Amino acid sequence: MKWILVFTGSGLGGCLRFWIGEQTNKWLNIDFPYGTLIANFAACTILGIVIGLAGNQWMDEKTRLFLTIGLCGGFSTFSTFSGETMAMFSNQKMMEGAFYIIISILSCIGAVYFGAALTRWFS
């Protein structure tokens, strides 16, 4: 059962990431991977909320697996982030690549913290 929950959550998260990427490219039409950044930020915020709720015993193990490893794992994408960063460096966009690294890491760590803090405010 756990494997099915993770599998289902991963598929849902991957589809959500794909949709956000397509919508972001359609709306912004800018040569910067905002779709990946938004998806990673959203996944990290959800992860922080789940961590906070699971820590408060508000969530059973199956739900936690579905949301963390499944949904957030499929929704966020370190491999795409890494590939996009390498593409920037290969195209001599060193400052843009460095900015992408810094903003991705800081915003995603901040998002996990923020998500967990939200659960403390409301519990």
N, C-alpha and C. Protein backbone atom coordinates (compact mmCIF):
# COMPACT_ATOMS: atom_id res chain seq x y z
N MET A 1 0.81 -1.20 0.00
CA MET A 1 0.00 0.00 0.00
C MET A 1 0.86 1.27 0.00
N LYS A 2 1.94 1.27 0.76
CA LYS A 2 2.81 2.44 0.82
C LYS A 2 3.37 2.78 -0.56
N TRP A 3 3.77 1.76 -1.31
CA TRP A 3 4.33 1.97 -2.64
C TRP A 3 3.30 2.61 -3.57
N ILE A 4 2.06 2.20 -3.47
CA ILE A 4 1.01 2.75 -4.32
C ILE A 4 0.76 4.22 -3.96
N LEU A 5 0.79 4.54 -2.68
CA LEU A 5 0.61 5.93 -2.25
C LEU A 5 1.73 6.82 -2.77
N VAL A 6 2.97 6.36 -2.66
CA VAL A 6 4.11 7.14 -3.15
C VAL A 6 4.03 7.28 -4.68
N PHE A 7 3.71 6.20 -5.36
CA PHE A 7 3.59 6.20 -6.82
C PHE A 7 2.52 7.19 -7.27
N THR A 8 1.37 7.15 -6.64
CA THR A 8 0.26 8.03 -7.00
C THR A 8 0.62 9.49 -6.72
N GLY A 9 1.19 9.74 -5.55
CA GLY A 9 1.59 11.11 -5.20
C GLY A 9 2.65 11.65 -6.14
N SER A 10 3.61 10.81 -6.52
CA SER A 10 4.67 11.24 -7.44
C SER A 10 4.10 11.61 -8.80
N GLY A 11 3.18 10.80 -9.30
CA GLY A 11 2.56 11.10 -10.58
C GLY A 11 1.79 12.40 -10.55
N LEU A 12 1.03 12.60 -9.49
CA LEU A 12 0.27 13.83 -9.33
C LEU A 12 1.21 15.03 -9.23
N GLY A 13 2.28 14.89 -8.43
CA GLY A 13 3.24 15.98 -8.29
C GLY A 13 3.94 16.30 -9.60
N GLY A 14 4.31 15.27 -10.36
CA GLY A 14 4.96 15.48 -11.65
C GLY A 14 4.05 16.19 -12.64
N CYS A 15 2.78 15.82 -12.66
CA CYS A 15 1.82 16.48 -13.54
C CYS A 15 1.62 17.94 -13.13
N LEU A 16 1.58 18.18 -11.84
CA LEU A 16 1.43 19.54 -11.33
C LEU A 16 2.64 20.40 -11.72
N ARG A 17 3.84 19.82 -11.58
CA ARG A 17 5.06 20.54 -11.97
C ARG A 17 5.04 20.86 -13.46
N PHE A 18 4.67 19.89 -14.29
CA PHE A 18 4.60 20.09 -15.73
C PHE A 18 3.62 21.20 -16.07
N TRP A 19 2.44 21.19 -15.44
CA TRP A 19 1.43 22.21 -15.69
C TRP A 19 1.94 23.61 -15.30
N ILE A 20 2.58 23.70 -14.13
CA ILE A 20 3.11 25.01 -13.69
C ILE A 20 4.16 25.50 -14.67
N GLY A 21 5.04 24.62 -15.12
CA GLY A 21 6.06 25.01 -16.09
C GLY A 21 5.45 25.52 -17.38
N GLU A 22 4.45 24.81 -17.89
CA GLU A 22 3.79 25.25 -19.12
C GLU A 22 3.08 26.59 -18.94
N GLN A 23 2.37 26.75 -17.86
CA GLN A 23 1.63 27.99 -17.62
C GLN A 23 2.58 29.17 -17.41
N THR A 24 3.65 28.95 -16.69
CA THR A 24 4.62 30.02 -16.44
C THR A 24 5.27 30.46 -17.74
N ASN A 25 5.66 29.51 -18.57
CA ASN A 25 6.26 29.86 -19.86
C ASN A 25 5.27 30.62 -20.74
N LYS A 26 4.01 30.23 -20.70
CA LYS A 26 2.98 30.88 -21.50
C LYS A 26 2.77 32.33 -21.03
N TRP A 27 2.74 32.53 -19.71
CA TRP A 27 2.45 33.85 -19.16
C TRP A 27 3.64 34.80 -19.23
N LEU A 28 4.83 34.30 -18.90
CA LEU A 28 5.97 35.19 -18.78
C LEU A 28 6.79 35.32 -20.05
N ASN A 29 6.95 34.25 -20.77
CA ASN A 29 7.74 34.24 -22.01
C ASN A 29 9.12 34.89 -21.80
N ILE A 30 9.79 34.48 -20.72
CA ILE A 30 11.12 35.00 -20.37
C ILE A 30 12.09 33.83 -20.36
N ASP A 31 13.31 34.08 -20.78
CA ASP A 31 14.32 33.03 -20.83
C ASP A 31 14.97 32.84 -19.44
N PHE A 32 14.15 32.41 -18.50
CA PHE A 32 14.62 32.09 -17.15
C PHE A 32 13.66 31.03 -16.61
N PRO A 33 14.17 30.03 -15.90
CA PRO A 33 13.33 28.90 -15.47
C PRO A 33 12.44 29.20 -14.26
N TYR A 34 11.57 30.19 -14.41
CA TYR A 34 10.67 30.53 -13.31
C TYR A 34 9.72 29.39 -12.97
N GLY A 35 9.31 28.60 -13.95
CA GLY A 35 8.41 27.48 -13.69
C GLY A 35 9.00 26.49 -12.70
N THR A 36 10.26 26.14 -12.90
CA THR A 36 10.93 25.22 -11.97
C THR A 36 11.07 25.86 -10.60
N LEU A 37 11.43 27.13 -10.57
CA LEU A 37 11.59 27.85 -9.31
C LEU A 37 10.26 27.89 -8.54
N ILE A 38 9.17 28.18 -9.23
CA ILE A 38 7.86 28.24 -8.59
C ILE A 38 7.45 26.86 -8.09
N ALA A 39 7.64 25.84 -8.92
CA ALA A 39 7.27 24.48 -8.52
C ALA A 39 8.08 24.03 -7.30
N ASN A 40 9.38 24.28 -7.31
CA ASN A 40 10.22 23.89 -6.17
C ASN A 40 9.83 24.65 -4.91
N PHE A 41 9.55 25.94 -5.05
CA PHE A 41 9.13 26.74 -3.91
C PHE A 41 7.81 26.23 -3.33
N ALA A 42 6.86 25.97 -4.20
CA ALA A 42 5.56 25.46 -3.74
C ALA A 42 5.70 24.10 -3.08
N ALA A 43 6.49 23.21 -3.68
CA ALA A 43 6.70 21.88 -3.09
C ALA A 43 7.36 21.98 -1.73
N CYS A 44 8.32 22.88 -1.59
CA CYS A 44 9.00 23.05 -0.30
C CYS A 44 8.06 23.64 0.74
N THR A 45 7.18 24.54 0.34
CA THR A 45 6.19 25.08 1.27
C THR A 45 5.26 23.98 1.75
N ILE A 46 4.77 23.17 0.82
CA ILE A 46 3.91 22.04 1.19
C ILE A 46 4.66 21.09 2.11
N LEU A 47 5.92 20.81 1.79
CA LEU A 47 6.73 19.92 2.62
C LEU A 47 6.85 20.46 4.04
N GLY A 48 7.09 21.76 4.18
CA GLY A 48 7.18 22.35 5.51
C GLY A 48 5.89 22.22 6.28
N ILE A 49 4.76 22.43 5.60
CA ILE A 49 3.46 22.27 6.25
C ILE A 49 3.27 20.82 6.71
N VAL A 50 3.60 19.89 5.84
CA VAL A 50 3.45 18.47 6.18
C VAL A 50 4.36 18.10 7.35
N ILE A 51 5.59 18.59 7.34
CA ILE A 51 6.52 18.32 8.44
C ILE A 51 5.94 18.85 9.76
N GLY A 52 5.40 20.07 9.70
CA GLY A 52 4.80 20.64 10.90
C GLY A 52 3.60 19.85 11.38
N LEU A 53 2.74 19.44 10.46
CA LEU A 53 1.56 18.68 10.85
C LEU A 53 1.92 17.29 11.34
N ALA A 54 2.87 16.65 10.68
CA ALA A 54 3.30 15.31 11.10
C ALA A 54 3.96 15.37 12.47
N GLY A 55 4.71 16.44 12.73
CA GLY A 55 5.35 16.60 14.03
C GLY A 55 4.35 16.81 15.14
N ASN A 56 3.20 17.36 14.80
CA ASN A 56 2.13 17.57 15.78
C ASN A 56 1.19 16.38 15.88
N GLN A 57 1.54 15.29 15.22
CA GLN A 57 0.74 14.07 15.22
C GLN A 57 -0.63 14.28 14.59
N TRP A 58 -0.75 15.22 13.65
CA TRP A 58 -2.01 15.48 12.98
C TRP A 58 -2.15 14.66 11.70
N MET A 59 -1.18 13.79 11.43
CA MET A 59 -1.16 13.10 10.15
C MET A 59 -0.66 11.69 10.35
N ASP A 60 -1.32 10.73 9.72
CA ASP A 60 -0.84 9.36 9.81
C ASP A 60 0.31 9.12 8.82
N GLU A 61 0.98 8.00 8.97
CA GLU A 61 2.16 7.70 8.15
C GLU A 61 1.84 7.60 6.67
N LYS A 62 0.71 7.02 6.33
CA LYS A 62 0.36 6.87 4.91
C LYS A 62 0.14 8.21 4.24
N THR A 63 -0.52 9.11 4.90
CA THR A 63 -0.74 10.45 4.35
C THR A 63 0.58 11.18 4.22
N ARG A 64 1.43 11.05 5.24
CA ARG A 64 2.74 11.69 5.20
C ARG A 64 3.57 11.17 4.03
N LEU A 65 3.59 9.87 3.80
CA LEU A 65 4.32 9.29 2.67
C LEU A 65 3.78 9.80 1.34
N PHE A 66 2.44 9.81 1.21
CA PHE A 66 1.81 10.30 -0.01
C PHE A 66 2.23 11.73 -0.31
N LEU A 67 2.20 12.58 0.71
CA LEU A 67 2.47 14.00 0.51
C LEU A 67 3.97 14.33 0.40
N THR A 68 4.81 13.72 1.24
CA THR A 68 6.24 14.08 1.23
C THR A 68 7.00 13.40 0.11
N ILE A 69 7.15 12.11 0.19
CA ILE A 69 7.92 11.39 -0.82
C ILE A 69 7.19 11.38 -2.15
N GLY A 70 5.86 11.21 -2.11
CA GLY A 70 5.08 11.16 -3.33
C GLY A 70 4.89 12.53 -3.96
N LEU A 71 3.94 13.30 -3.45
CA LEU A 71 3.57 14.57 -4.06
C LEU A 71 4.74 15.56 -4.15
N CYS A 72 5.38 15.84 -3.01
CA CYS A 72 6.47 16.81 -3.01
C CYS A 72 7.69 16.30 -3.80
N GLY A 73 7.95 15.00 -3.72
CA GLY A 73 9.06 14.43 -4.48
C GLY A 73 8.84 14.53 -5.97
N GLY A 74 7.60 14.30 -6.43
CA GLY A 74 7.30 14.43 -7.85
C GLY A 74 7.13 15.87 -8.29
N PHE A 75 6.70 16.72 -7.38
CA PHE A 75 6.43 18.13 -7.68
C PHE A 75 7.73 18.94 -7.77
N SER A 76 8.66 18.69 -6.87
CA SER A 76 9.93 19.41 -6.90
C SER A 76 10.90 18.67 -7.81
N THR A 77 11.92 19.37 -8.25
CA THR A 77 12.83 18.73 -9.20
C THR A 77 14.23 19.29 -9.11
N PHE A 78 15.08 18.60 -8.41
CA PHE A 78 16.47 19.02 -8.31
C PHE A 78 17.22 18.74 -9.62
N SER A 79 16.84 17.69 -10.31
CA SER A 79 17.53 17.37 -11.56
C SER A 79 17.25 18.42 -12.63
N THR A 80 16.02 18.90 -12.74
CA THR A 80 15.72 19.94 -13.71
C THR A 80 16.44 21.23 -13.33
N PHE A 81 16.41 21.58 -12.06
CA PHE A 81 17.14 22.75 -11.57
C PHE A 81 18.62 22.65 -11.95
N SER A 82 19.22 21.49 -11.74
CA SER A 82 20.64 21.30 -12.05
C SER A 82 20.91 21.41 -13.54
N GLY A 83 20.04 20.81 -14.34
CA GLY A 83 20.20 20.89 -15.80
C GLY A 83 20.05 22.30 -16.32
N GLU A 84 19.08 23.03 -15.79
CA GLU A 84 18.88 24.42 -16.21
C GLU A 84 20.07 25.29 -15.80
N THR A 85 20.60 25.04 -14.63
CA THR A 85 21.78 25.78 -14.18
C THR A 85 22.97 25.51 -15.10
N MET A 86 23.19 24.25 -15.41
CA MET A 86 24.31 23.89 -16.30
C MET A 86 24.13 24.49 -17.69
N ALA A 87 22.89 24.56 -18.17
CA ALA A 87 22.63 25.18 -19.47
C ALA A 87 22.98 26.66 -19.44
N MET A 88 22.67 27.33 -18.34
CA MET A 88 23.03 28.75 -18.22
C MET A 88 24.54 28.90 -18.25
N PHE A 89 25.24 28.07 -17.50
CA PHE A 89 26.70 28.15 -17.48
C PHE A 89 27.29 27.84 -18.85
N SER A 90 26.72 26.85 -19.54
CA SER A 90 27.21 26.49 -20.88
C SER A 90 26.99 27.61 -21.88
N ASN A 91 25.95 28.41 -21.67
CA ASN A 91 25.65 29.54 -22.55
C ASN A 91 26.28 30.84 -22.06
N GLN A 92 27.26 30.70 -21.19
CA GLN A 92 28.02 31.84 -20.66
C GLN A 92 27.16 32.82 -19.88
N LYS A 93 26.10 32.34 -19.27
CA LYS A 93 25.24 33.17 -18.43
C LYS A 93 25.60 32.89 -16.97
N MET A 94 26.82 33.24 -16.62
CA MET A 94 27.35 32.91 -15.30
C MET A 94 26.60 33.61 -14.17
N MET A 95 26.33 34.89 -14.32
CA MET A 95 25.63 35.64 -13.26
C MET A 95 24.20 35.15 -13.12
N GLU A 96 23.54 34.87 -14.24
CA GLU A 96 22.17 34.37 -14.19
C GLU A 96 22.14 32.99 -13.52
N GLY A 97 23.10 32.14 -13.84
CA GLY A 97 23.18 30.82 -13.22
C GLY A 97 23.45 30.91 -11.73
N ALA A 98 24.37 31.79 -11.35
CA ALA A 98 24.68 31.97 -9.93
C ALA A 98 23.46 32.51 -9.18
N PHE A 99 22.75 33.46 -9.80
CA PHE A 99 21.53 34.00 -9.18
C PHE A 99 20.50 32.90 -9.00
N TYR A 100 20.35 32.05 -10.00
CA TYR A 100 19.38 30.96 -9.95
C TYR A 100 19.71 29.99 -8.82
N ILE A 101 20.97 29.68 -8.65
CA ILE A 101 21.40 28.79 -7.56
C ILE A 101 21.05 29.42 -6.21
N ILE A 102 21.45 30.66 -6.04
CA ILE A 102 21.25 31.33 -4.75
C ILE A 102 19.76 31.49 -4.43
N ILE A 103 18.99 31.99 -5.40
CA ILE A 103 17.57 32.22 -5.13
C ILE A 103 16.83 30.91 -4.92
N SER A 104 17.22 29.86 -5.64
CA SER A 104 16.56 28.56 -5.48
C SER A 104 16.82 27.98 -4.09
N ILE A 105 18.07 27.96 -3.69
CA ILE A 105 18.41 27.35 -2.41
C ILE A 105 17.82 28.15 -1.25
N LEU A 106 18.01 29.46 -1.27
CA LEU A 106 17.50 30.27 -0.16
C LEU A 106 15.98 30.27 -0.09
N SER A 107 15.33 30.40 -1.25
CA SER A 107 13.87 30.45 -1.21
C SER A 107 13.26 29.10 -0.82
N CYS A 108 13.87 28.01 -1.26
CA CYS A 108 13.30 26.70 -0.94
C CYS A 108 13.52 26.32 0.52
N ILE A 109 14.68 26.62 1.06
CA ILE A 109 14.89 26.38 2.48
C ILE A 109 13.96 27.28 3.30
N GLY A 110 13.84 28.53 2.87
CA GLY A 110 12.92 29.45 3.54
C GLY A 110 11.48 28.97 3.44
N ALA A 111 11.10 28.37 2.32
CA ALA A 111 9.73 27.88 2.13
C ALA A 111 9.43 26.72 3.08
N VAL A 112 10.38 25.82 3.27
CA VAL A 112 10.17 24.72 4.22
C VAL A 112 9.99 25.29 5.62
N TYR A 113 10.84 26.23 5.99
CA TYR A 113 10.73 26.86 7.30
C TYR A 113 9.38 27.57 7.45
N PHE A 114 9.00 28.33 6.43
CA PHE A 114 7.73 29.06 6.45
C PHE A 114 6.55 28.11 6.57
N GLY A 115 6.57 27.04 5.81
CA GLY A 115 5.48 26.05 5.87
C GLY A 115 5.35 25.44 7.25
N ALA A 116 6.49 25.08 7.84
CA ALA A 116 6.46 24.50 9.19
C ALA A 116 5.99 25.54 10.20
N ALA A 117 6.41 26.80 10.02
CA ALA A 117 5.99 27.86 10.93
C ALA A 117 4.49 28.11 10.85
N LEU A 118 3.92 27.97 9.66
CA LEU A 118 2.47 28.14 9.51
C LEU A 118 1.70 27.18 10.42
N THR A 119 2.20 25.97 10.51
CA THR A 119 1.48 24.99 11.34
C THR A 119 1.59 25.35 12.83
N ARG A 120 2.68 25.98 13.22
CA ARG A 120 2.82 26.41 14.62
C ARG A 120 1.87 27.56 14.94
N TRP A 121 1.66 28.44 13.96
CA TRP A 121 0.76 29.57 14.18
C TRP A 121 -0.67 29.13 14.36
N PHE A 122 -1.04 28.05 13.66
CA PHE A 122 -2.44 27.63 13.67
C PHE A 122 -2.71 26.43 14.58
N SER A 123 -1.70 26.01 15.35
CA SER A 123 -1.95 24.86 16.22
C SER A 123 -2.01 25.25 17.68
